[in-house]
Amino acid sequence: MALERKEYVIAPTGPNYSRAVKAGNTLYISGCTARGTDTQGKSMMEQLEVTLNRLVSIAAEEGVGPGNFAKLTCFVTSMADYKADPQQMEALFAKYFEGQYPANSLVEITALAEPGLDVEIEAVVILE
């Protein structure tokens, strides 16, 4: 099976990786952040909204919706900040996944690739 490397305007990449790799009917999306937006350096929830929007927009470009997300892995620099407003966090996931929630892992890390980034999410999407 040939792998297809994908790039998307909505979520630019760095110099040494592809935004996503398509293998058969599966799309593996590398970690998305709010990098390059006006929310970089702002609250974690603002960054979360931009990041979720980027992920769902990538899936839409591939012709699928939120229900096709099989797995997320969320990396955050502060579990306390991420969970500080659970209602807002839950509302964002409800907005972007419309109740069709993927499996989701949450991992606290010390830092992300650039200053001012506090949340990064990678995803696996089934293309049907």
Protein backbone atom coordinates (compact mmCIF):
# COMPACT_ATOMS: atom_id res chain seq x y z
CA MET A 1 0.00 0.00 0.00
CA ALA A 2 1.37 3.38 -0.99
CA LEU A 3 1.34 6.18 1.56
CA GLU A 4 0.12 9.60 0.52
CA ARG A 5 1.58 12.58 2.35
CA LYS A 6 -0.85 15.47 2.69
CA GLU A 7 -0.55 19.19 3.41
CA TYR A 8 -3.38 21.62 4.25
CA VAL A 9 -3.48 25.42 4.17
CA ILE A 10 -5.56 25.49 7.38
CA ALA A 11 -2.73 23.90 9.39
CA PRO A 12 0.75 24.63 8.04
CA THR A 13 3.58 22.25 8.96
CA GLY A 14 7.19 22.59 9.95
CA PRO A 15 10.14 21.66 7.75
CA ASN A 16 10.53 17.99 8.73
CA TYR A 17 7.08 16.39 8.77
CA SER A 18 3.83 16.04 6.84
CA ARG A 19 0.57 17.34 8.27
CA ALA A 20 -1.03 13.99 7.54
CA VAL A 21 -0.35 10.63 5.98
CA LYS A 22 -3.10 8.72 4.22
CA ALA A 23 -2.80 4.93 4.34
CA GLY A 24 -5.70 3.13 2.70
CA ASN A 25 -8.86 4.50 4.27
CA THR A 26 -7.08 5.94 7.31
CA LEU A 27 -5.72 9.47 7.74
CA TYR A 28 -3.10 10.03 10.44
CA ILE A 29 -2.93 13.73 11.32
CA SER A 30 0.21 14.96 13.03
CA GLY A 31 -0.08 17.18 16.07
CA CYS A 32 -2.06 20.35 15.36
CA THR A 33 -1.68 23.48 17.46
CA ALA A 34 -2.69 27.14 17.30
CA ARG A 35 0.77 27.93 15.87
CA GLY A 36 0.79 31.04 13.71
CA THR A 37 -2.59 32.31 14.87
CA ASP A 38 -3.46 35.20 17.15
CA THR A 39 -4.39 32.68 19.86
CA GLN A 40 -0.78 31.48 20.23
CA GLY A 41 0.18 32.67 23.71
CA LYS A 42 -3.42 33.11 24.83
CA SER A 43 -5.57 30.84 27.00
CA MET A 44 -5.56 27.10 26.58
CA MET A 45 -9.28 27.08 25.70
CA GLU A 46 -8.74 29.64 22.93
CA GLN A 47 -5.94 27.47 21.56
CA LEU A 48 -8.09 24.35 21.92
CA GLU A 49 -10.83 25.90 19.79
CA VAL A 50 -8.40 26.80 16.98
CA THR A 51 -6.84 23.34 17.13
CA LEU A 52 -10.17 21.47 17.02
CA ASN A 53 -11.30 23.69 14.15
CA ARG A 54 -8.14 22.83 12.22
CA LEU A 55 -8.62 19.10 12.76
CA VAL A 56 -12.28 19.09 11.72
CA SER A 57 -11.44 21.30 8.71
CA ILE A 58 -8.77 18.83 7.57
CA ALA A 59 -11.29 15.99 7.79
CA ALA A 60 -13.81 18.07 5.82
CA GLU A 61 -11.23 18.60 3.06
CA GLU A 62 -11.03 14.80 2.86
CA GLY A 63 -14.82 14.58 2.57
CA VAL A 64 -15.64 13.25 6.05
CA GLY A 65 -17.11 14.69 9.22
CA PRO A 66 -16.55 14.63 12.97
CA GLY A 67 -18.02 11.15 13.32
CA ASN A 68 -15.07 9.73 11.36
CA PHE A 69 -12.51 10.64 14.02
CA ALA A 70 -11.44 7.37 15.62
CA LYS A 71 -8.76 8.62 18.03
CA LEU A 72 -7.31 11.82 19.45
CA THR A 73 -4.21 12.25 21.55
CA CYS A 74 -4.20 15.59 23.37
CA PHE A 75 -0.95 16.98 24.77
CA VAL A 76 -1.26 19.87 27.24
CA THR A 77 1.36 21.84 29.17
CA SER A 78 -0.85 22.10 32.25
CA MET A 79 -3.54 19.65 33.28
CA ALA A 80 -4.80 22.23 35.77
CA ASP A 81 -5.27 24.87 33.05
CA TYR A 82 -6.93 22.34 30.74
CA LYS A 83 -9.41 21.32 33.42
CA ALA A 84 -9.90 24.81 34.91
CA ASP A 85 -13.14 25.37 33.01
CA PRO A 86 -14.60 21.92 32.29
CA GLN A 87 -17.85 23.37 30.94
CA GLN A 88 -16.04 25.42 28.30
CA MET A 89 -13.82 22.46 27.37
CA GLU A 90 -16.82 20.13 27.10
CA ALA A 91 -18.71 22.73 25.04
CA LEU A 92 -15.83 22.96 22.55
CA PHE A 93 -15.67 19.19 22.08
CA ALA A 94 -19.48 19.09 21.72
CA LYS A 95 -19.36 21.89 19.13
CA TYR A 96 -16.74 20.22 16.94
CA PHE A 97 -17.66 16.56 17.38
CA GLU A 98 -21.45 16.96 17.60
CA GLY A 99 -21.72 14.24 20.25
CA GLN A 100 -19.77 11.73 18.14
CA TYR A 101 -16.71 11.67 20.37
CA PRO A 102 -13.58 9.78 19.34
CA ALA A 103 -11.42 7.80 21.72
CA ASN A 104 -9.23 10.38 23.45
CA SER A 105 -6.03 10.30 25.49
CA LEU A 106 -4.89 13.29 27.53
CA VAL A 107 -1.18 13.68 28.32
CA GLU A 108 0.53 16.44 30.30
CA ILE A 109 3.95 17.48 28.98
CA THR A 110 6.47 20.14 29.99
CA ALA A 111 6.54 22.09 26.72
CA LEU A 112 5.56 22.13 23.07
CA ALA A 113 7.67 23.10 20.05
CA GLU A 114 7.24 26.88 20.36
CA PRO A 115 6.64 29.31 23.22
CA GLY A 116 3.00 30.20 23.73
CA LEU A 117 1.67 26.83 22.60
CA ASP A 118 -0.11 24.91 25.34
CA VAL A 119 -2.24 22.31 23.54
CA GLU A 120 -1.45 19.97 20.65
CA ILE A 121 -3.73 17.26 19.27
CA GLU A 122 -2.96 14.45 16.87
CA ALA A 123 -5.75 12.40 15.28
CA VAL A 124 -6.65 9.26 13.41
CA VAL A 125 -9.54 9.66 10.98
CA ILE A 126 -11.32 6.90 9.06
CA LEU A 127 -12.06 7.94 5.47
CA GLU A 128 -15.20 6.31 4.06
